[in-house]
C-alpha cells in the first residue's frame, strides 16, 4: 500500500501558492499556510476538497490550514511541528513567502533604505533557511524535497527594488548551498518566475507590465499555472538538486 505524500506550502492562500496547492491536491495531502487572511485560506480549502483524490488509499486529513507569521523563526518552527503532528509526515516543502516594496529599480535613492533591506533579507532569505532547518529531519526520513520561490530579479538585475533583487540572488545561492549540505537525503531547488500577473504583479503600472512581456523571447509572461506545474515537476524529479529554474519566457537570456 503506497503512502500518500504530504506537502507544506507557505504563503499559499492566494496567488502562486494557491495554484501550487491545486496542482498537488489530486495526489498529495496539503497544508495551506496563511499569515492573516483566514477566510481566503478557508475558501481555498473548500475548493481543494472538490478536487478528486487520485490516490488509491487516501489518508486523512487531506487538507489542513495553519496560520504562521513566517518572518518569525519560532512561528516557522511551530508551523513545521504542527504540520507533522496533524499529518504524520512531511515529503514536500514549498517555501513560497517573500516581500518587496515597489520602487523604481534604477533610482538608487530608493534602493538604500535600511528597513527595506532588513525586511527583504528576513523574508527572502532567512525565512527559507529557518523553514529548511525546521523541516530537515522530517524530509530526511521521507527522502523528500524542499523548493523555494525566488525570482528572475535574482538572476538578472531588475525587478521591484534593489534590496529585492539582491536578496533574491542570495535566496538562490542559499538553495544551492542547502542542496550541498542536506544531500543525499533531501533535494533542494529554487524556481525563479518572471513577472506574473498575480495580485502582486498587477501592482506594476501597465506600461511596465507591457515592457516586461516585450522583454521576453516568447512574448508572453509566465502564468501561475506555468510556474506551479514546474514546482510539481521538481517535486517529482528524483535526480535534480541545486538547480534554479527560470520560468520567465526567456527574459533573463
C-alpha atoms as a PDB file:
ATOM      1  CA  UNK A   1       0.000   0.000   0.000  1.00  0.00           C
ATOM      2  CA  UNK A   2       1.568   3.304  -1.078  1.00  0.00           C
ATOM      3  CA  UNK A   3       1.660   6.190   1.363  1.00  0.00           C
ATOM      4  CA  UNK A   4       0.117   9.490   0.337  1.00  0.00           C
ATOM      5  CA  UNK A   5       2.743  12.253   0.414  1.00  0.00           C
ATOM      6  CA  UNK A   6       2.309  15.433   2.442  1.00  0.00           C
ATOM      7  CA  UNK A   7       3.149  18.889   1.069  1.00  0.00           C
ATOM      8  CA  UNK A   8       3.506  22.058   3.159  1.00  0.00           C
ATOM      9  CA  UNK A   9       3.201  25.271   1.144  1.00  0.00           C
ATOM     10  CA  UNK A  10       3.875  28.627   2.803  1.00  0.00           C
ATOM     11  CA  UNK A  11       2.015  31.780   1.764  1.00  0.00           C
ATOM     12  CA  UNK A  12      -0.471  29.587  -0.058  1.00  0.00           C
ATOM     13  CA  UNK A  13      -3.925  31.115   0.482  1.00  0.00           C
ATOM     14  CA  UNK A  14      -3.778  33.023  -2.846  1.00  0.00           C
ATOM     15  CA  UNK A  15      -1.735  33.615  -5.994  1.00  0.00           C
ATOM     16  CA  UNK A  16       1.085  31.222  -6.863  1.00  0.00           C
ATOM     17  CA  UNK A  17       0.930  29.374  -3.541  1.00  0.00           C
ATOM     18  CA  UNK A  18      -2.757  28.570  -4.016  1.00  0.00           C
ATOM     19  CA  UNK A  19      -2.123  27.307  -7.547  1.00  0.00           C
ATOM     20  CA  UNK A  20       0.692  25.064  -6.279  1.00  0.00           C
ATOM     21  CA  UNK A  21      -1.792  23.650  -3.755  1.00  0.00           C
ATOM     22  CA  UNK A  22      -4.274  22.945  -6.582  1.00  0.00           C
ATOM     23  CA  UNK A  23      -1.594  21.131  -8.579  1.00  0.00           C
ATOM     24  CA  UNK A  24      -0.625  18.927  -5.619  1.00  0.00           C
ATOM     25  CA  UNK A  25      -4.210  18.313  -4.436  1.00  0.00           C
ATOM     26  CA  UNK A  26      -5.088  15.271  -6.618  1.00  0.00           C
ATOM     27  CA  UNK A  27      -2.408  13.004  -5.162  1.00  0.00           C
ATOM     28  CA  UNK A  28      -0.864  14.740  -2.128  1.00  0.00           C
ATOM     29  CA  UNK A  29      -2.187  15.790   1.249  1.00  0.00           C
ATOM     30  CA  UNK A  30      -1.629  19.538   1.542  1.00  0.00           C
ATOM     31  CA  UNK A  31      -1.100  22.006   4.376  1.00  0.00           C
ATOM     32  CA  UNK A  32      -2.109  25.561   3.477  1.00  0.00           C
ATOM     33  CA  UNK A  33      -0.303  28.305   5.379  1.00  0.00           C
ATOM     34  CA  UNK A  34      -1.638  31.841   5.645  1.00  0.00           C
ATOM     35  CA  UNK A  35      -0.430  34.920   7.501  1.00  0.00           C
ATOM     36  CA  UNK A  36      -3.617  36.895   8.285  1.00  0.00           C
ATOM     37  CA  UNK A  37      -6.447  36.186   5.813  1.00  0.00           C
ATOM     38  CA  UNK A  38      -8.133  33.118   7.319  1.00  0.00           C
ATOM     39  CA  UNK A  39     -11.266  33.479   5.198  1.00  0.00           C
ATOM     40  CA  UNK A  40      -9.266  33.282   1.981  1.00  0.00           C
ATOM     41  CA  UNK A  41      -7.484  30.157   3.245  1.00  0.00           C
ATOM     42  CA  UNK A  42     -10.809  28.546   4.181  1.00  0.00           C
ATOM     43  CA  UNK A  43     -12.254  29.318   0.737  1.00  0.00           C
ATOM     44  CA  UNK A  44      -9.248  27.636  -0.875  1.00  0.00           C
ATOM     45  CA  UNK A  45      -9.703  24.625   1.413  1.00  0.00           C
ATOM     46  CA  UNK A  46     -13.303  24.236   0.178  1.00  0.00           C
ATOM     47  CA  UNK A  47     -12.111  24.469  -3.431  1.00  0.00           C
ATOM     48  CA  UNK A  48      -9.370  21.868  -2.880  1.00  0.00           C
ATOM     49  CA  UNK A  49     -11.842  19.488  -1.242  1.00  0.00           C
ATOM     50  CA  UNK A  50     -13.828  19.404  -4.506  1.00  0.00           C
ATOM     51  CA  UNK A  51     -10.774  18.146  -6.456  1.00  0.00           C
ATOM     52  CA  UNK A  52     -10.938  14.334  -6.884  1.00  0.00           C
ATOM     53  CA  UNK A  53      -8.396  12.346  -4.862  1.00  0.00           C
ATOM     54  CA  UNK A  54      -6.451  10.133  -7.286  1.00  0.00           C
ATOM     55  CA  UNK A  55      -4.732   8.217  -4.513  1.00  0.00           C
ATOM     56  CA  UNK A  56      -5.794   4.555  -4.254  1.00  0.00           C
ATOM     57  CA  UNK A  57      -5.590   4.569  -0.447  1.00  0.00           C
ATOM     58  CA  UNK A  58      -6.435   8.107   0.685  1.00  0.00           C
ATOM     59  CA  UNK A  59      -5.269   9.220   4.115  1.00  0.00           C
ATOM     60  CA  UNK A  60      -6.925  11.823   6.299  1.00  0.00           C
ATOM     61  CA  UNK A  61      -6.942  14.682   6.804  1.00  0.00           C
ATOM     62  CA  UNK A  62      -6.494  15.503   3.128  1.00  0.00           C
ATOM     63  CA  UNK A  63      -6.075  19.242   3.703  1.00  0.00           C
ATOM     64  CA  UNK A  64      -5.298  21.394   6.696  1.00  0.00           C
ATOM     65  CA  UNK A  65      -4.881  25.146   7.319  1.00  0.00           C
ATOM     66  CA  UNK A  66      -2.201  26.579   9.605  1.00  0.00           C
ATOM     67  CA  UNK A  67      -1.617  30.233  10.423  1.00  0.00           C
ATOM     68  CA  UNK A  68       2.002  31.343  10.787  1.00  0.00           C
ATOM     69  CA  UNK A  69       3.971  34.561  10.538  1.00  0.00           C
ATOM     70  CA  UNK A  70       6.982  33.326   8.580  1.00  0.00           C
ATOM     71  CA  UNK A  71       9.004  36.437   9.459  1.00  0.00           C
ATOM     72  CA  UNK A  72       9.314  34.882  12.940  1.00  0.00           C
ATOM     73  CA  UNK A  73      11.661  31.931  13.418  1.00  0.00           C
ATOM     74  CA  UNK A  74       9.642  30.477  16.304  1.00  0.00           C
ATOM     75  CA  UNK A  75       6.471  30.720  14.202  1.00  0.00           C
ATOM     76  CA  UNK A  76       8.180  28.839  11.346  1.00  0.00           C
ATOM     77  CA  UNK A  77       9.296  26.127  13.781  1.00  0.00           C
ATOM     78  CA  UNK A  78       5.740  25.802  15.127  1.00  0.00           C
ATOM     79  CA  UNK A  79       4.381  25.569  11.576  1.00  0.00           C
ATOM     80  CA  UNK A  80       6.557  22.545  10.825  1.00  0.00           C
ATOM     81  CA  UNK A  81       5.827  20.931  14.203  1.00  0.00           C
ATOM     82  CA  UNK A  82       2.070  21.391  13.761  1.00  0.00           C
ATOM     83  CA  UNK A  83       2.200  20.054  10.191  1.00  0.00           C
ATOM     84  CA  UNK A  84       3.890  16.835  11.285  1.00  0.00           C
ATOM     85  CA  UNK A  85       1.586  16.491  14.299  1.00  0.00           C
ATOM     86  CA  UNK A  86      -1.510  16.894  12.106  1.00  0.00           C
ATOM     87  CA  UNK A  87      -0.395  14.951   9.013  1.00  0.00           C
ATOM     88  CA  UNK A  88       2.076  12.432  10.442  1.00  0.00           C
ATOM     89  CA  UNK A  89       4.851  13.019   7.911  1.00  0.00           C
ATOM     90  CA  UNK A  90       6.371  15.588   5.545  1.00  0.00           C
ATOM     91  CA  UNK A  91       7.573  14.929   1.990  1.00  0.00           C
ATOM     92  CA  UNK A  92       7.452  18.240   0.122  1.00  0.00           C
ATOM     93  CA  UNK A  93       8.056  21.766   1.402  1.00  0.00           C
ATOM     94  CA  UNK A  94       7.397  24.708  -0.907  1.00  0.00           C
ATOM     95  CA  UNK A  95       8.832  27.833   0.706  1.00  0.00           C
ATOM     96  CA  UNK A  96       6.837  30.446  -1.160  1.00  0.00           C
ATOM     97  CA  UNK A  97       6.882  33.534   1.089  1.00  0.00           C
ATOM     98  CA  UNK A  98       8.633  36.750   0.055  1.00  0.00           C
ATOM     99  CA  UNK A  99       8.465  40.512   0.342  1.00  0.00           C
ATOM    100  CA  UNK A 100       9.243  43.648  -1.600  1.00  0.00           C
ATOM    101  CA  UNK A 101       8.335  47.315  -1.732  1.00  0.00           C
ATOM    102  CA  UNK A 102       7.558  48.741  -5.147  1.00  0.00           C
ATOM    103  CA  UNK A 103      10.239  51.255  -6.176  1.00  0.00           C
ATOM    104  CA  UNK A 104      11.969  52.463  -9.303  1.00  0.00           C
ATOM    105  CA  UNK A 105      14.833  49.951  -9.569  1.00  0.00           C
ATOM    106  CA  UNK A 106      17.044  52.487 -11.380  1.00  0.00           C
ATOM    107  CA  UNK A 107      16.664  55.154  -8.687  1.00  0.00           C
ATOM    108  CA  UNK A 108      19.470  54.429  -6.206  1.00  0.00           C
ATOM    109  CA  UNK A 109      17.985  56.843  -3.659  1.00  0.00           C
ATOM    110  CA  UNK A 110      15.024  54.445  -3.365  1.00  0.00           C
ATOM    111  CA  UNK A 111      17.374  51.461  -3.038  1.00  0.00           C
ATOM    112  CA  UNK A 112      19.256  52.373   0.142  1.00  0.00           C
ATOM    113  CA  UNK A 113      16.569  52.261   2.842  1.00  0.00           C
ATOM    114  CA  UNK A 114      17.759  50.097   5.721  1.00  0.00           C
ATOM    115  CA  UNK A 115      14.266  48.948   6.642  1.00  0.00           C
ATOM    116  CA  UNK A 116      13.697  47.622   3.103  1.00  0.00           C
ATOM    117  CA  UNK A 117      16.995  45.719   3.197  1.00  0.00           C
ATOM    118  CA  UNK A 118      16.232  44.266   6.620  1.00  0.00           C
ATOM    119  CA  UNK A 119      12.711  43.132   5.718  1.00  0.00           C
ATOM    120  CA  UNK A 120      13.796  41.783   2.317  1.00  0.00           C
ATOM    121  CA  UNK A 121      16.622  39.819   3.926  1.00  0.00           C
ATOM    122  CA  UNK A 122      14.302  38.336   6.536  1.00  0.00           C
ATOM    123  CA  UNK A 123      11.519  37.437   4.084  1.00  0.00           C
ATOM    124  CA  UNK A 124      13.590  36.471   1.040  1.00  0.00           C
ATOM    125  CA  UNK A 125      16.489  34.670   2.731  1.00  0.00           C
ATOM    126  CA  UNK A 126      16.179  33.914   6.436  1.00  0.00           C
ATOM    127  CA  UNK A 127      12.621  32.557   6.416  1.00  0.00           C
ATOM    128  CA  UNK A 128      13.641  29.942   3.810  1.00  0.00           C
ATOM    129  CA  UNK A 129      16.660  28.934   5.897  1.00  0.00           C
ATOM    130  CA  UNK A 130      14.520  28.646   9.046  1.00  0.00           C
ATOM    131  CA  UNK A 131      11.951  26.517   7.231  1.00  0.00           C
ATOM    132  CA  UNK A 132      14.531  24.186   5.699  1.00  0.00           C
ATOM    133  CA  UNK A 133      16.251  23.794   9.065  1.00  0.00           C
ATOM    134  CA  UNK A 134      12.990  23.083  10.891  1.00  0.00           C
ATOM    135  CA  UNK A 135      11.876  20.542   8.250  1.00  0.00           C
ATOM    136  CA  UNK A 136      15.203  18.787   7.599  1.00  0.00           C
ATOM    137  CA  UNK A 137      14.729  15.786   9.901  1.00  0.00           C
ATOM    138  CA  UNK A 138      11.222  15.039   8.637  1.00  0.00           C
ATOM    139  CA  UNK A 139      12.301  15.473   4.993  1.00  0.00           C
ATOM    140  CA  UNK A 140      15.335  13.232   5.502  1.00  0.00           C
ATOM    141  CA  UNK A 141      13.026  10.475   6.784  1.00  0.00           C
ATOM    142  CA  UNK A 142      10.954  10.578   3.597  1.00  0.00           C
ATOM    143  CA  UNK A 143      13.865  11.459   1.247  1.00  0.00           C
ATOM    144  CA  UNK A 144      11.791  14.498   0.451  1.00  0.00           C
ATOM    145  CA  UNK A 145      12.286  17.787  -1.324  1.00  0.00           C
ATOM    146  CA  UNK A 146      12.497  21.489  -0.471  1.00  0.00           C
ATOM    147  CA  UNK A 147      11.582  24.002  -3.192  1.00  0.00           C
ATOM    148  CA  UNK A 148      11.864  27.747  -2.730  1.00  0.00           C
ATOM    149  CA  UNK A 149      10.265  30.525  -4.795  1.00  0.00           C
ATOM    150  CA  UNK A 150      12.904  33.065  -5.838  1.00  0.00           C
ATOM    151  CA  UNK A 151      12.667  35.461  -8.806  1.00  0.00           C
ATOM    152  CA  UNK A 152      14.271  36.252 -12.127  1.00  0.00           C
ATOM    153  CA  UNK A 153      15.268  39.520 -10.379  1.00  0.00           C
ATOM    154  CA  UNK A 154      17.813  37.381  -8.512  1.00  0.00           C
ATOM    155  CA  UNK A 155      19.358  36.270 -11.824  1.00  0.00           C
ATOM    156  CA  UNK A 156      19.259  39.477 -13.871  1.00  0.00           C
ATOM    157  CA  UNK A 157      19.451  42.857 -12.060  1.00  0.00           C
ATOM    158  CA  UNK A 158      15.840  44.041 -12.347  1.00  0.00           C
ATOM    159  CA  UNK A 159      12.528  43.975 -10.544  1.00  0.00           C
ATOM    160  CA  UNK A 160      10.723  45.973  -7.917  1.00  0.00           C
ATOM    161  CA  UNK A 161      13.711  47.125  -5.876  1.00  0.00           C
ATOM    162  CA  UNK A 162      17.468  46.792  -5.386  1.00  0.00           C
ATOM    163  CA  UNK A 163      17.152  45.030  -1.990  1.00  0.00           C
ATOM    164  CA  UNK A 164      14.608  42.637  -3.519  1.00  0.00           C
ATOM    165  CA  UNK A 165      16.911  41.707  -6.417  1.00  0.00           C
ATOM    166  CA  UNK A 166      19.965  41.246  -4.193  1.00  0.00           C
ATOM    167  CA  UNK A 167      18.149  39.162  -1.570  1.00  0.00           C
ATOM    168  CA  UNK A 168      16.553  37.014  -4.275  1.00  0.00           C
ATOM    169  CA  UNK A 169      20.072  36.306  -5.584  1.00  0.00           C
ATOM    170  CA  UNK A 170      21.030  35.341  -2.031  1.00  0.00           C
ATOM    171  CA  UNK A 171      17.964  33.089  -1.828  1.00  0.00           C
ATOM    172  CA  UNK A 172      19.036  31.234  -4.982  1.00  0.00           C
ATOM    173  CA  UNK A 173      22.540  30.719  -3.556  1.00  0.00           C
ATOM    174  CA  UNK A 174      21.033  29.590  -0.247  1.00  0.00           C
ATOM    175  CA  UNK A 175      19.083  26.872  -2.088  1.00  0.00           C
ATOM    176  CA  UNK A 176      22.253  25.694  -3.876  1.00  0.00           C
ATOM    177  CA  UNK A 177      24.130  25.679  -0.567  1.00  0.00           C
ATOM    178  CA  UNK A 178      21.363  23.728   1.189  1.00  0.00           C
ATOM    179  CA  UNK A 179      21.387  21.227  -1.696  1.00  0.00           C
ATOM    180  CA  UNK A 180      25.037  20.515  -0.868  1.00  0.00           C
ATOM    181  CA  UNK A 181      24.518  20.457   2.916  1.00  0.00           C
ATOM    182  CA  UNK A 182      21.310  18.373   3.008  1.00  0.00           C
ATOM    183  CA  UNK A 183      22.344  15.797   0.371  1.00  0.00           C
ATOM    184  CA  UNK A 184      21.971  12.884  -0.168  1.00  0.00           C
ATOM    185  CA  UNK A 185      18.578  12.538   1.560  1.00  0.00           C
ATOM    186  CA  UNK A 186      16.941  15.867   0.622  1.00  0.00           C
ATOM    187  CA  UNK A 187      16.718  17.549  -2.783  1.00  0.00           C
ATOM    188  CA  UNK A 188      16.732  21.362  -2.722  1.00  0.00           C
ATOM    189  CA  UNK A 189      15.895  23.544  -5.721  1.00  0.00           C
ATOM    190  CA  UNK A 190      14.604  27.036  -6.457  1.00  0.00           C
ATOM    191  CA  UNK A 191      12.278  28.441  -9.084  1.00  0.00           C
ATOM    192  CA  UNK A 192      12.642  31.949 -10.478  1.00  0.00           C
ATOM    193  CA  UNK A 193       9.486  33.224 -12.144  1.00  0.00           C
ATOM    194  CA  UNK A 194       9.478  36.310 -14.279  1.00  0.00           C
ATOM    195  CA  UNK A 195       6.689  38.813 -13.755  1.00  0.00           C
ATOM    196  CA  UNK A 196       3.334  37.109 -13.184  1.00  0.00           C
ATOM    197  CA  UNK A 197       0.035  38.963 -13.266  1.00  0.00           C
ATOM    198  CA  UNK A 198      -0.949  37.965  -9.743  1.00  0.00           C
ATOM    199  CA  UNK A 199      -2.407  40.404  -7.215  1.00  0.00           C
ATOM    200  CA  UNK A 200       1.237  41.383  -6.601  1.00  0.00           C
ATOM    201  CA  UNK A 201       2.203  41.662 -10.290  1.00  0.00           C
ATOM    202  CA  UNK A 202      -0.810  43.833 -11.055  1.00  0.00           C
ATOM    203  CA  UNK A 203       0.662  46.499  -8.761  1.00  0.00           C
ATOM    204  CA  UNK A 204       3.123  47.331 -11.531  1.00  0.00           C
ATOM    205  CA  UNK A 205       1.877  50.040 -13.923  1.00  0.00           C
ATOM    206  CA  UNK A 206       0.530  48.737 -17.231  1.00  0.00           C
ATOM    207  CA  UNK A 207       3.498  50.236 -19.115  1.00  0.00           C
ATOM    208  CA  UNK A 208       5.916  48.166 -17.012  1.00  0.00           C
ATOM    209  CA  UNK A 209       3.819  45.004 -17.463  1.00  0.00           C
ATOM    210  CA  UNK A 210       3.782  45.517 -21.245  1.00  0.00           C
ATOM    211  CA  UNK A 211       7.537  46.192 -21.270  1.00  0.00           C
ATOM    212  CA  UNK A 212       8.115  43.002 -19.262  1.00  0.00           C
ATOM    213  CA  UNK A 213       6.132  40.984 -21.800  1.00  0.00           C
ATOM    214  CA  UNK A 214       8.003  42.539 -24.734  1.00  0.00           C
ATOM    215  CA  UNK A 215      11.300  41.817 -22.981  1.00  0.00           C
ATOM    216  CA  UNK A 216      10.623  38.052 -23.078  1.00  0.00           C
ATOM    217  CA  UNK A 217      11.788  35.937 -26.005  1.00  0.00           C
ATOM    218  CA  UNK A 218       8.396  34.174 -26.138  1.00  0.00           C
ATOM    219  CA  UNK A 219       6.400  37.446 -25.948  1.00  0.00           C
ATOM    220  CA  UNK A 220       4.371  36.099 -23.038  1.00  0.00           C
ATOM    221  CA  UNK A 221       4.551  36.413 -19.280  1.00  0.00           C
ATOM    222  CA  UNK A 222       4.695  33.273 -17.174  1.00  0.00           C
ATOM    223  CA  UNK A 223       1.373  32.354 -15.572  1.00  0.00           C
ATOM    224  CA  UNK A 224       0.872  30.938 -12.079  1.00  0.00           C
ATOM    225  CA  UNK A 225      -0.218  27.732 -13.821  1.00  0.00           C
ATOM    226  CA  UNK A 226       3.112  27.528 -15.715  1.00  0.00           C
ATOM    227  CA  UNK A 227       5.084  28.045 -12.527  1.00  0.00           C
ATOM    228  CA  UNK A 228       3.031  25.673 -10.344  1.00  0.00           C
ATOM    229  CA  UNK A 229       3.403  22.903 -12.946  1.00  0.00           C
ATOM    230  CA  UNK A 230       7.179  23.319 -12.775  1.00  0.00           C
ATOM    231  CA  UNK A 231       7.108  23.110  -8.969  1.00  0.00           C
ATOM    232  CA  UNK A 232       5.327  19.775  -9.299  1.00  0.00           C
ATOM    233  CA  UNK A 233       7.916  18.606 -11.850  1.00  0.00           C
ATOM    234  CA  UNK A 234      10.746  19.478  -9.449  1.00  0.00           C
ATOM    235  CA  UNK A 235       8.970  17.695  -6.601  1.00  0.00           C
ATOM    236  CA  UNK A 236       8.772  14.525  -8.723  1.00  0.00           C
ATOM    237  CA  UNK A 237      12.326  14.703 -10.142  1.00  0.00           C
ATOM    238  CA  UNK A 238      14.432  12.288  -8.115  1.00  0.00           C
ATOM    239  CA  UNK A 239      17.728  13.305  -9.766  1.00  0.00           C
ATOM    240  CA  UNK A 240      17.522  17.116  -9.680  1.00  0.00           C
ATOM    241  CA  UNK A 241      19.071  19.146  -6.867  1.00  0.00           C
ATOM    242  CA  UNK A 242      20.813  22.512  -6.521  1.00  0.00           C
ATOM    243  CA  UNK A 243      19.114  23.934  -9.606  1.00  0.00           C
ATOM    244  CA  UNK A 244      17.433  27.294 -10.162  1.00  0.00           C
ATOM    245  CA  UNK A 245      14.734  27.079 -12.789  1.00  0.00           C
ATOM    246  CA  UNK A 246      13.936  30.341 -14.583  1.00  0.00           C
ATOM    247  CA  UNK A 247      10.314  30.418 -15.731  1.00  0.00           C
ATOM    248  CA  UNK A 248      10.416  33.758 -17.483  1.00  0.00           C
ATOM    249  CA  UNK A 249       9.721  33.359 -21.188  1.00  0.00           C
ATOM    250  CA  UNK A 250      13.457  33.803 -21.769  1.00  0.00           C
ATOM    251  CA  UNK A 251      13.652  37.349 -20.336  1.00  0.00           C
ATOM    252  CA  UNK A 252      16.887  36.555 -18.467  1.00  0.00           C
ATOM    253  CA  UNK A 253      18.689  35.363 -21.610  1.00  0.00           C
END
